[in-house]
Amino acid sequence: MAAAALDLLPGAEGSIVLDGGTTTAALAELLPAERRLLAVTSSVPIAARLSAAPGVTLHVLGGRVRGVTQCAVGETTVRALSELRVDVAFLGANGISPTHGFTTPDDAEASVKRAMVRAGQRVVVLADSSKLDREHLVRFAAPEDVDVLVTDAEADPGVVAELEKAGIDVVLA
């Protein structure tokens, strides 16, 4: 999925925000040096990976680091994101429903994800098919807030069709 998401990167000198998670971390590992990207993240592991990446200018968001996800959360993080406008926001999700949208179990994580959605001119969610047709406690994006979903080829065709009907481009990787 991360390799498929490379096609969704902005051009040279573009900017991205990377949410925490395994798939966004895999994308961070694959960022091409020749793009010369500005990357913003709240994820400590992703920041560590990108700190020495050639061609990447790194902006790390501050805040309280949540142990479970190793991501900064809280008002400091949300406020910093409110001042940014990136070309593409890449996020993960714990649950994706064609009717309810994109969800996560933690309200602090949801607040940061909402701010990332608002910061992105284009919003891309990376999530494997096990997250489809599931809902968690807190919604961070409605279907109309997300431009592209990158998921694996095991995705249920019926759910994919519903997501596409909701206006989301679905990329099967």
N, C-alpha and C. Protein backbone atom coordinates (compact mmCIF):
# COMPACT_ATOMS: atom_id res chain seq x y z
N MET A 1 0.82 -1.20 0.00
CA MET A 1 0.00 0.00 0.00
C MET A 1 0.86 1.26 0.00
N ALA A 2 1.96 1.21 0.75
CA ALA A 2 2.84 2.38 0.80
C ALA A 2 3.41 2.69 -0.57
N ALA A 3 3.78 1.66 -1.32
CA ALA A 3 4.32 1.87 -2.67
C ALA A 3 3.28 2.49 -3.58
N ALA A 4 2.02 2.06 -3.45
CA ALA A 4 0.94 2.65 -4.26
C ALA A 4 0.72 4.11 -3.89
N ALA A 5 0.92 4.44 -2.63
CA ALA A 5 0.73 5.82 -2.17
C ALA A 5 1.78 6.77 -2.72
N LEU A 6 2.93 6.24 -3.16
CA LEU A 6 3.96 7.10 -3.75
C LEU A 6 3.43 7.87 -4.94
N ASP A 7 2.50 7.27 -5.68
CA ASP A 7 1.91 7.95 -6.85
C ASP A 7 1.06 9.15 -6.45
N LEU A 8 0.73 9.26 -5.17
CA LEU A 8 -0.13 10.34 -4.69
C LEU A 8 0.66 11.48 -4.05
N LEU A 9 1.98 11.35 -4.04
CA LEU A 9 2.82 12.42 -3.48
C LEU A 9 2.74 13.66 -4.36
N PRO A 10 2.92 14.84 -3.76
CA PRO A 10 2.98 16.05 -4.57
C PRO A 10 4.29 16.08 -5.36
N GLY A 11 4.39 17.01 -6.28
CA GLY A 11 5.61 17.15 -7.07
C GLY A 11 6.77 17.66 -6.24
N ALA A 12 7.87 17.93 -6.91
CA ALA A 12 9.07 18.44 -6.25
C ALA A 12 8.75 19.69 -5.45
N GLU A 13 9.38 19.79 -4.29
CA GLU A 13 9.20 20.93 -3.39
C GLU A 13 7.81 20.95 -2.75
N GLY A 14 7.08 19.85 -2.82
CA GLY A 14 5.75 19.77 -2.22
C GLY A 14 5.83 19.51 -0.72
N SER A 15 4.65 19.54 -0.09
CA SER A 15 4.58 19.33 1.35
C SER A 15 3.55 18.26 1.69
N ILE A 16 3.87 17.49 2.73
CA ILE A 16 2.97 16.43 3.18
C ILE A 16 2.91 16.43 4.71
N VAL A 17 1.82 15.88 5.24
CA VAL A 17 1.75 15.56 6.66
C VAL A 17 1.55 14.06 6.74
N LEU A 18 2.28 13.43 7.65
CA LEU A 18 2.20 11.99 7.86
C LEU A 18 1.70 11.71 9.26
N ASP A 19 0.56 11.05 9.34
CA ASP A 19 0.01 10.56 10.59
C ASP A 19 0.87 9.38 11.05
N GLY A 20 0.73 8.98 12.29
CA GLY A 20 1.44 7.81 12.78
C GLY A 20 0.79 6.53 12.29
N GLY A 21 1.51 5.42 12.38
CA GLY A 21 0.97 4.13 11.99
C GLY A 21 1.95 3.35 11.13
N THR A 22 1.69 2.06 11.00
CA THR A 22 2.63 1.20 10.27
C THR A 22 2.67 1.50 8.78
N THR A 23 1.52 1.79 8.19
CA THR A 23 1.50 2.02 6.74
C THR A 23 2.09 3.38 6.40
N THR A 24 1.80 4.40 7.20
CA THR A 24 2.40 5.71 6.94
C THR A 24 3.91 5.66 7.22
N ALA A 25 4.33 4.85 8.18
CA ALA A 25 5.76 4.68 8.44
C ALA A 25 6.44 4.00 7.24
N ALA A 26 5.75 3.04 6.65
CA ALA A 26 6.29 2.38 5.45
C ALA A 26 6.41 3.38 4.30
N LEU A 27 5.43 4.27 4.18
CA LEU A 27 5.50 5.32 3.16
C LEU A 27 6.70 6.23 3.42
N ALA A 28 6.91 6.60 4.67
CA ALA A 28 8.04 7.47 5.02
C ALA A 28 9.36 6.85 4.59
N GLU A 29 9.47 5.53 4.74
CA GLU A 29 10.70 4.82 4.35
C GLU A 29 10.94 4.90 2.84
N LEU A 30 9.86 5.03 2.07
CA LEU A 30 9.97 5.00 0.61
C LEU A 30 10.04 6.37 -0.05
N LEU A 31 9.98 7.45 0.72
CA LEU A 31 9.96 8.78 0.11
C LEU A 31 11.18 8.99 -0.77
N PRO A 32 10.96 9.37 -2.02
CA PRO A 32 12.09 9.55 -2.95
C PRO A 32 12.85 10.85 -2.68
N ALA A 33 14.16 10.75 -2.59
CA ALA A 33 15.01 11.91 -2.29
C ALA A 33 14.89 13.00 -3.34
N GLU A 34 14.65 12.61 -4.59
CA GLU A 34 14.62 13.61 -5.67
C GLU A 34 13.40 14.53 -5.60
N ARG A 35 12.40 14.20 -4.80
CA ARG A 35 11.20 15.05 -4.69
C ARG A 35 11.45 16.30 -3.84
N ARG A 36 12.40 16.24 -2.94
CA ARG A 36 12.70 17.36 -2.05
C ARG A 36 11.43 17.83 -1.34
N LEU A 37 10.88 16.96 -0.52
CA LEU A 37 9.62 17.22 0.17
C LEU A 37 9.82 17.84 1.54
N LEU A 38 8.83 18.64 1.95
CA LEU A 38 8.71 19.08 3.33
C LEU A 38 7.73 18.12 3.97
N ALA A 39 8.17 17.41 5.00
CA ALA A 39 7.32 16.43 5.68
C ALA A 39 7.04 16.89 7.10
N VAL A 40 5.77 16.87 7.47
CA VAL A 40 5.31 17.23 8.81
C VAL A 40 4.77 15.96 9.45
N THR A 41 5.13 15.70 10.72
CA THR A 41 4.58 14.53 11.39
C THR A 41 4.47 14.76 12.89
N SER A 42 3.54 14.03 13.49
CA SER A 42 3.39 14.00 14.94
C SER A 42 3.95 12.70 15.51
N SER A 43 4.45 11.83 14.64
CA SER A 43 4.92 10.50 15.02
C SER A 43 6.41 10.50 15.34
N VAL A 44 6.75 10.08 16.54
CA VAL A 44 8.15 9.99 16.93
C VAL A 44 8.91 8.99 16.05
N PRO A 45 8.39 7.77 15.82
CA PRO A 45 9.13 6.83 14.95
C PRO A 45 9.31 7.35 13.52
N ILE A 46 8.29 8.00 12.97
CA ILE A 46 8.42 8.53 11.61
C ILE A 46 9.42 9.68 11.59
N ALA A 47 9.39 10.53 12.61
CA ALA A 47 10.36 11.63 12.69
C ALA A 47 11.78 11.08 12.75
N ALA A 48 11.98 10.02 13.52
CA ALA A 48 13.31 9.42 13.62
C ALA A 48 13.77 8.88 12.26
N ARG A 49 12.85 8.27 11.53
CA ARG A 49 13.20 7.73 10.20
C ARG A 49 13.56 8.85 9.23
N LEU A 50 12.77 9.93 9.27
CA LEU A 50 12.95 11.01 8.28
C LEU A 50 14.05 12.00 8.64
N SER A 51 14.52 11.97 9.88
CA SER A 51 15.50 12.98 10.31
C SER A 51 16.79 12.93 9.49
N ALA A 52 17.11 11.77 8.96
CA ALA A 52 18.33 11.65 8.15
C ALA A 52 18.02 11.34 6.69
N ALA A 53 16.77 11.45 6.30
CA ALA A 53 16.38 11.12 4.93
C ALA A 53 16.84 12.21 3.96
N PRO A 54 17.57 11.82 2.92
CA PRO A 54 18.00 12.83 1.94
C PRO A 54 16.79 13.38 1.19
N GLY A 55 16.80 14.67 0.96
CA GLY A 55 15.73 15.28 0.19
C GLY A 55 14.49 15.62 0.99
N VAL A 56 14.50 15.35 2.31
CA VAL A 56 13.33 15.63 3.14
C VAL A 56 13.68 16.71 4.15
N THR A 57 12.87 17.76 4.17
CA THR A 57 12.94 18.75 5.24
C THR A 57 11.87 18.35 6.24
N LEU A 58 12.26 18.13 7.48
CA LEU A 58 11.36 17.58 8.49
C LEU A 58 10.86 18.64 9.45
N HIS A 59 9.55 18.64 9.69
CA HIS A 59 8.92 19.50 10.69
C HIS A 59 8.20 18.56 11.66
N VAL A 60 8.65 18.54 12.92
CA VAL A 60 8.06 17.65 13.92
C VAL A 60 7.10 18.45 14.79
N LEU A 61 5.88 17.94 14.92
CA LEU A 61 4.87 18.58 15.74
C LEU A 61 5.08 18.22 17.21
N GLY A 62 4.94 19.21 18.07
CA GLY A 62 5.09 18.97 19.50
C GLY A 62 3.79 18.58 20.16
N GLY A 63 3.86 18.28 21.42
CA GLY A 63 2.69 17.90 22.20
C GLY A 63 3.03 16.75 23.13
N ARG A 64 2.02 16.28 23.84
CA ARG A 64 2.18 15.13 24.73
C ARG A 64 2.25 13.87 23.88
N VAL A 65 3.27 13.06 24.08
CA VAL A 65 3.42 11.84 23.29
C VAL A 65 2.61 10.72 23.95
N ARG A 66 1.68 10.18 23.18
CA ARG A 66 0.84 9.08 23.65
C ARG A 66 1.63 7.79 23.49
N GLY A 67 1.83 7.07 24.58
CA GLY A 67 2.68 5.89 24.58
C GLY A 67 2.26 4.81 23.61
N VAL A 68 0.97 4.57 23.50
CA VAL A 68 0.47 3.48 22.65
C VAL A 68 0.85 3.69 21.19
N THR A 69 0.71 4.92 20.71
CA THR A 69 0.96 5.19 19.29
C THR A 69 2.28 5.90 19.02
N GLN A 70 2.93 6.40 20.08
CA GLN A 70 4.17 7.17 19.93
C GLN A 70 3.96 8.41 19.07
N CYS A 71 2.77 9.02 19.20
CA CYS A 71 2.43 10.23 18.46
C CYS A 71 2.11 11.37 19.41
N ALA A 72 2.47 12.57 19.01
CA ALA A 72 2.11 13.76 19.79
C ALA A 72 0.62 14.02 19.64
N VAL A 73 -0.02 14.33 20.76
CA VAL A 73 -1.44 14.67 20.78
C VAL A 73 -1.63 15.88 21.69
N GLY A 74 -2.82 16.43 21.66
CA GLY A 74 -3.15 17.53 22.55
C GLY A 74 -3.28 18.86 21.83
N GLU A 75 -3.63 19.86 22.61
CA GLU A 75 -3.89 21.18 22.04
C GLU A 75 -2.69 21.77 21.33
N THR A 76 -1.49 21.55 21.85
CA THR A 76 -0.28 22.08 21.21
C THR A 76 -0.15 21.54 19.79
N THR A 77 -0.40 20.25 19.63
CA THR A 77 -0.30 19.61 18.32
C THR A 77 -1.37 20.13 17.38
N VAL A 78 -2.60 20.20 17.87
CA VAL A 78 -3.73 20.66 17.05
C VAL A 78 -3.52 22.11 16.64
N ARG A 79 -3.06 22.94 17.57
CA ARG A 79 -2.84 24.36 17.26
C ARG A 79 -1.76 24.52 16.18
N ALA A 80 -0.68 23.76 16.29
CA ALA A 80 0.38 23.84 15.28
C ALA A 80 -0.15 23.44 13.90
N LEU A 81 -0.96 22.40 13.85
CA LEU A 81 -1.53 21.96 12.57
C LEU A 81 -2.49 23.00 11.99
N SER A 82 -3.16 23.75 12.84
CA SER A 82 -4.12 24.74 12.35
C SER A 82 -3.45 25.86 11.57
N GLU A 83 -2.15 26.01 11.74
CA GLU A 83 -1.39 27.05 11.04
C GLU A 83 -0.80 26.55 9.73
N LEU A 84 -0.97 25.27 9.43
CA LEU A 84 -0.33 24.67 8.26
C LEU A 84 -1.33 24.36 7.16
N ARG A 85 -0.83 24.36 5.92
CA ARG A 85 -1.62 23.93 4.76
C ARG A 85 -0.66 23.15 3.87
N VAL A 86 -0.79 21.84 3.89
CA VAL A 86 0.10 20.98 3.11
C VAL A 86 -0.58 20.53 1.84
N ASP A 87 0.22 20.09 0.89
CA ASP A 87 -0.33 19.59 -0.37
C ASP A 87 -1.15 18.32 -0.16
N VAL A 88 -0.57 17.37 0.59
CA VAL A 88 -1.26 16.08 0.80
C VAL A 88 -1.11 15.65 2.25
N ALA A 89 -2.21 15.25 2.85
CA ALA A 89 -2.22 14.66 4.19
C ALA A 89 -2.40 13.15 4.05
N PHE A 90 -1.48 12.39 4.63
CA PHE A 90 -1.56 10.92 4.62
C PHE A 90 -1.89 10.46 6.04
N LEU A 91 -3.02 9.79 6.19
CA LEU A 91 -3.47 9.35 7.50
C LEU A 91 -3.79 7.87 7.52
N GLY A 92 -3.78 7.31 8.73
CA GLY A 92 -4.27 5.97 8.96
C GLY A 92 -5.63 6.05 9.61
N ALA A 93 -6.33 4.92 9.70
CA ALA A 93 -7.64 4.85 10.35
C ALA A 93 -7.81 3.47 10.96
N ASN A 94 -8.51 3.41 12.08
CA ASN A 94 -8.82 2.12 12.71
C ASN A 94 -10.11 1.53 12.17
N GLY A 95 -11.01 2.41 11.72
CA GLY A 95 -12.27 1.97 11.17
C GLY A 95 -12.69 2.86 10.02
N ILE A 96 -13.32 2.25 9.01
CA ILE A 96 -13.80 3.00 7.84
C ILE A 96 -15.18 2.49 7.49
N SER A 97 -16.14 3.41 7.51
CA SER A 97 -17.52 3.08 7.18
C SER A 97 -17.99 4.00 6.05
N PRO A 98 -18.62 3.44 5.02
CA PRO A 98 -19.11 4.29 3.93
C PRO A 98 -20.12 5.34 4.39
N THR A 99 -20.82 5.07 5.48
CA THR A 99 -21.83 6.03 5.96
C THR A 99 -21.31 6.91 7.09
N HIS A 100 -20.56 6.34 8.02
CA HIS A 100 -20.10 7.10 9.19
C HIS A 100 -18.75 7.77 8.96
N GLY A 101 -17.93 7.22 8.11
CA GLY A 101 -16.64 7.83 7.83
C GLY A 101 -15.47 7.11 8.47
N PHE A 102 -14.48 7.88 8.87
CA PHE A 102 -13.19 7.38 9.31
C PHE A 102 -13.06 7.58 10.82
N THR A 103 -12.73 6.50 11.53
CA THR A 103 -12.78 6.54 12.99
C THR A 103 -11.52 5.99 13.63
N THR A 104 -11.39 6.32 14.93
CA THR A 104 -10.30 5.84 15.77
C THR A 104 -10.84 5.68 17.19
N PRO A 105 -10.24 4.85 18.02
CA PRO A 105 -10.78 4.65 19.36
C PRO A 105 -10.44 5.75 20.37
N ASP A 106 -9.52 6.64 20.05
CA ASP A 106 -9.04 7.61 21.03
C ASP A 106 -9.40 9.04 20.63
N ASP A 107 -9.99 9.79 21.56
CA ASP A 107 -10.42 11.16 21.23
C ASP A 107 -9.25 12.11 21.00
N ALA A 108 -8.14 11.93 21.72
CA ALA A 108 -6.97 12.80 21.51
C ALA A 108 -6.36 12.56 20.13
N GLU A 109 -6.28 11.30 19.73
CA GLU A 109 -5.79 10.98 18.39
C GLU A 109 -6.73 11.54 17.33
N ALA A 110 -8.03 11.43 17.58
CA ALA A 110 -9.03 11.93 16.62
C ALA A 110 -8.89 13.43 16.42
N SER A 111 -8.62 14.17 17.48
CA SER A 111 -8.45 15.63 17.36
C SER A 111 -7.28 15.98 16.45
N VAL A 112 -6.18 15.25 16.60
CA VAL A 112 -5.01 15.50 15.75
C VAL A 112 -5.32 15.10 14.31
N LYS A 113 -5.96 13.97 14.13
CA LYS A 113 -6.32 13.52 12.78
C LYS A 113 -7.25 14.53 12.10
N ARG A 114 -8.23 15.06 12.84
CA ARG A 114 -9.13 16.09 12.28
C ARG A 114 -8.33 17.30 11.80
N ALA A 115 -7.37 17.71 12.62
CA ALA A 115 -6.54 18.86 12.26
C ALA A 115 -5.69 18.55 11.03
N MET A 116 -5.23 17.32 10.90
CA MET A 116 -4.46 16.92 9.71
C MET A 116 -5.35 16.96 8.47
N VAL A 117 -6.58 16.50 8.61
CA VAL A 117 -7.53 16.54 7.49
C VAL A 117 -7.74 17.98 7.04
N ARG A 118 -7.94 18.89 8.00
CA ARG A 118 -8.14 20.31 7.67
C ARG A 118 -6.89 20.92 7.04
N ALA A 119 -5.71 20.43 7.43
CA ALA A 119 -4.45 20.98 6.91
C ALA A 119 -4.15 20.53 5.49
N GLY A 120 -4.75 19.45 5.06
CA GLY A 120 -4.43 18.90 3.75
C GLY A 120 -5.29 19.44 2.63
N GLN A 121 -4.64 19.86 1.54
CA GLN A 121 -5.40 20.23 0.35
C GLN A 121 -5.98 18.99 -0.31
N ARG A 122 -5.28 17.87 -0.13
CA ARG A 122 -5.75 16.57 -0.58
C ARG A 122 -5.55 15.61 0.59
N VAL A 123 -6.54 14.76 0.84
CA VAL A 123 -6.49 13.85 1.99
C VAL A 123 -6.50 12.41 1.50
N VAL A 124 -5.48 11.66 1.92
CA VAL A 124 -5.33 10.26 1.54
C VAL A 124 -5.28 9.42 2.82
N VAL A 125 -6.13 8.40 2.88
CA VAL A 125 -6.11 7.47 4.01
C VAL A 125 -5.51 6.15 3.54
N LEU A 126 -4.57 5.64 4.32
CA LEU A 126 -3.93 4.35 4.05
C LEU A 126 -4.41 3.37 5.11
N ALA A 127 -5.11 2.33 4.69
CA ALA A 127 -5.65 1.36 5.66
C ALA A 127 -5.89 0.02 4.98
N ASP A 128 -5.49 -1.05 5.65
CA ASP A 128 -5.72 -2.37 5.06
C ASP A 128 -7.20 -2.74 5.15
N SER A 129 -7.57 -3.75 4.40
CA SER A 129 -8.99 -4.11 4.26
C SER A 129 -9.64 -4.55 5.56
N SER A 130 -8.87 -4.94 6.57
CA SER A 130 -9.47 -5.32 7.85
C SER A 130 -10.13 -4.13 8.55
N LYS A 131 -9.80 -2.91 8.14
CA LYS A 131 -10.38 -1.71 8.75
C LYS A 131 -11.71 -1.31 8.11
N LEU A 132 -12.01 -1.90 6.94
CA LEU A 132 -13.22 -1.52 6.20
C LEU A 132 -14.47 -2.08 6.85
N ASP A 133 -15.53 -1.28 6.78
CA ASP A 133 -16.84 -1.63 7.32
C ASP A 133 -16.78 -1.82 8.83
N ARG A 134 -15.90 -1.06 9.49
CA ARG A 134 -15.77 -1.07 10.95
C ARG A 134 -15.88 0.36 11.45
N GLU A 135 -16.42 0.50 12.64
CA GLU A 135 -16.52 1.82 13.27
C GLU A 135 -15.92 1.76 14.66
N HIS A 136 -15.21 2.83 15.02
CA HIS A 136 -14.67 2.96 16.36
C HIS A 136 -15.31 4.17 17.03
N LEU A 137 -14.91 4.45 18.23
CA LEU A 137 -15.58 5.42 19.08
C LEU A 137 -15.67 6.83 18.50
N VAL A 138 -14.59 7.33 17.92
CA VAL A 138 -14.54 8.74 17.54
C VAL A 138 -14.29 8.91 16.04
N ARG A 139 -15.18 9.67 15.39
CA ARG A 139 -15.01 9.96 13.97
C ARG A 139 -14.08 11.16 13.82
N PHE A 140 -13.13 11.05 12.89
CA PHE A 140 -12.25 12.19 12.61
C PHE A 140 -12.46 12.76 11.22
N ALA A 141 -13.15 12.02 10.36
CA ALA A 141 -13.42 12.53 9.01
C ALA A 141 -14.68 11.88 8.47
N ALA A 142 -15.51 12.70 7.84
CA ALA A 142 -16.68 12.19 7.12
C ALA A 142 -16.20 11.68 5.76
N PRO A 143 -16.99 10.84 5.10
CA PRO A 143 -16.55 10.35 3.78
C PRO A 143 -16.19 11.48 2.81
N GLU A 144 -16.93 12.56 2.84
CA GLU A 144 -16.66 13.66 1.90
C GLU A 144 -15.38 14.43 2.21
N ASP A 145 -14.77 14.19 3.38
CA ASP A 145 -13.52 14.86 3.74
C ASP A 145 -12.28 14.17 3.17
N VAL A 146 -12.45 12.95 2.67
CA VAL A 146 -11.32 12.14 2.20
C VAL A 146 -11.38 12.01 0.69
N ASP A 147 -10.25 12.27 0.05
CA ASP A 147 -10.18 12.19 -1.41
C ASP A 147 -9.86 10.79 -1.91
N VAL A 148 -8.90 10.13 -1.24
CA VAL A 148 -8.42 8.83 -1.72
C VAL A 148 -8.25 7.87 -0.54
N LEU A 149 -8.64 6.62 -0.75
CA LEU A 149 -8.35 5.54 0.19
C LEU A 149 -7.45 4.55 -0.53
N VAL A 150 -6.30 4.26 0.06
CA VAL A 150 -5.41 3.22 -0.46
C VAL A 150 -5.56 2.02 0.48
N THR A 151 -5.98 0.90 -0.08
CA THR A 151 -6.17 -0.32 0.70
C THR A 151 -5.65 -1.51 -0.09
N ASP A 152 -5.72 -2.69 0.51
CA ASP A 152 -5.20 -3.87 -0.17
C ASP A 152 -6.26 -4.52 -1.06
N ALA A 153 -5.81 -5.42 -1.90
CA ALA A 153 -6.67 -6.06 -2.89
C ALA A 153 -7.71 -7.00 -2.28
N GLU A 154 -7.60 -7.28 -0.99
CA GLU A 154 -8.57 -8.14 -0.30
C GLU A 154 -9.83 -7.37 0.11
N ALA A 155 -9.90 -6.10 -0.19
CA ALA A 155 -11.05 -5.27 0.20
C ALA A 155 -12.34 -5.82 -0.39
N ASP A 156 -13.39 -5.81 0.42
CA ASP A 156 -14.71 -6.26 -0.01
C ASP A 156 -15.20 -5.37 -1.14
N PRO A 157 -15.51 -5.94 -2.32
CA PRO A 157 -15.94 -5.12 -3.47
C PRO A 157 -17.20 -4.30 -3.19
N GLY A 158 -18.10 -4.82 -2.37
CA GLY A 158 -19.31 -4.08 -2.02
C GLY A 158 -19.01 -2.83 -1.22
N VAL A 159 -18.10 -2.95 -0.26
CA VAL A 159 -17.71 -1.80 0.56
C VAL A 159 -16.95 -0.79 -0.30
N VAL A 160 -16.08 -1.29 -1.17
CA VAL A 160 -15.34 -0.41 -2.09
C VAL A 160 -16.32 0.38 -2.95
N ALA A 161 -17.33 -0.28 -3.48
CA ALA A 161 -18.33 0.39 -4.32
C ALA A 161 -19.07 1.47 -3.53
N GLU A 162 -19.40 1.18 -2.26
CA GLU A 162 -20.08 2.18 -1.42
C GLU A 162 -19.18 3.38 -1.16
N LEU A 163 -17.91 3.13 -0.91
CA LEU A 163 -16.96 4.23 -0.68
C LEU A 163 -16.80 5.08 -1.93
N GLU A 164 -16.73 4.43 -3.08
CA GLU A 164 -16.63 5.18 -4.34
C GLU A 164 -17.90 5.98 -4.60
N LYS A 165 -19.05 5.41 -4.26
CA LYS A 165 -20.32 6.13 -4.41
C LYS A 165 -20.35 7.37 -3.50
N ALA A 166 -19.64 7.28 -2.37
CA ALA A 166 -19.55 8.41 -1.44
C ALA A 166 -18.55 9.47 -1.93
N GLY A 167 -17.90 9.20 -3.07
CA GLY A 167 -16.99 10.19 -3.65
C GLY A 167 -15.52 9.96 -3.36
N ILE A 168 -15.17 8.82 -2.79
CA ILE A 168 -13.78 8.52 -2.46
C ILE A 168 -13.17 7.68 -3.58
N ASP A 169 -12.02 8.11 -4.08
CA ASP A 169 -11.27 7.29 -5.03
C ASP A 169 -10.60 6.17 -4.23
N VAL A 170 -10.83 4.93 -4.61
CA VAL A 170 -10.22 3.80 -3.91
C VAL A 170 -9.13 3.20 -4.78
N VAL A 171 -7.93 3.12 -4.22
CA VAL A 171 -6.79 2.51 -4.89
C VAL A 171 -6.54 1.17 -4.22
N LEU A 172 -6.62 0.09 -5.00
CA LEU A 172 -6.34 -1.25 -4.48
C LEU A 172 -4.89 -1.59 -4.78
N ALA A 173 -4.16 -1.91 -3.73
CA ALA A 173 -2.72 -2.19 -3.89
C ALA A 173 -2.43 -3.66 -3.61
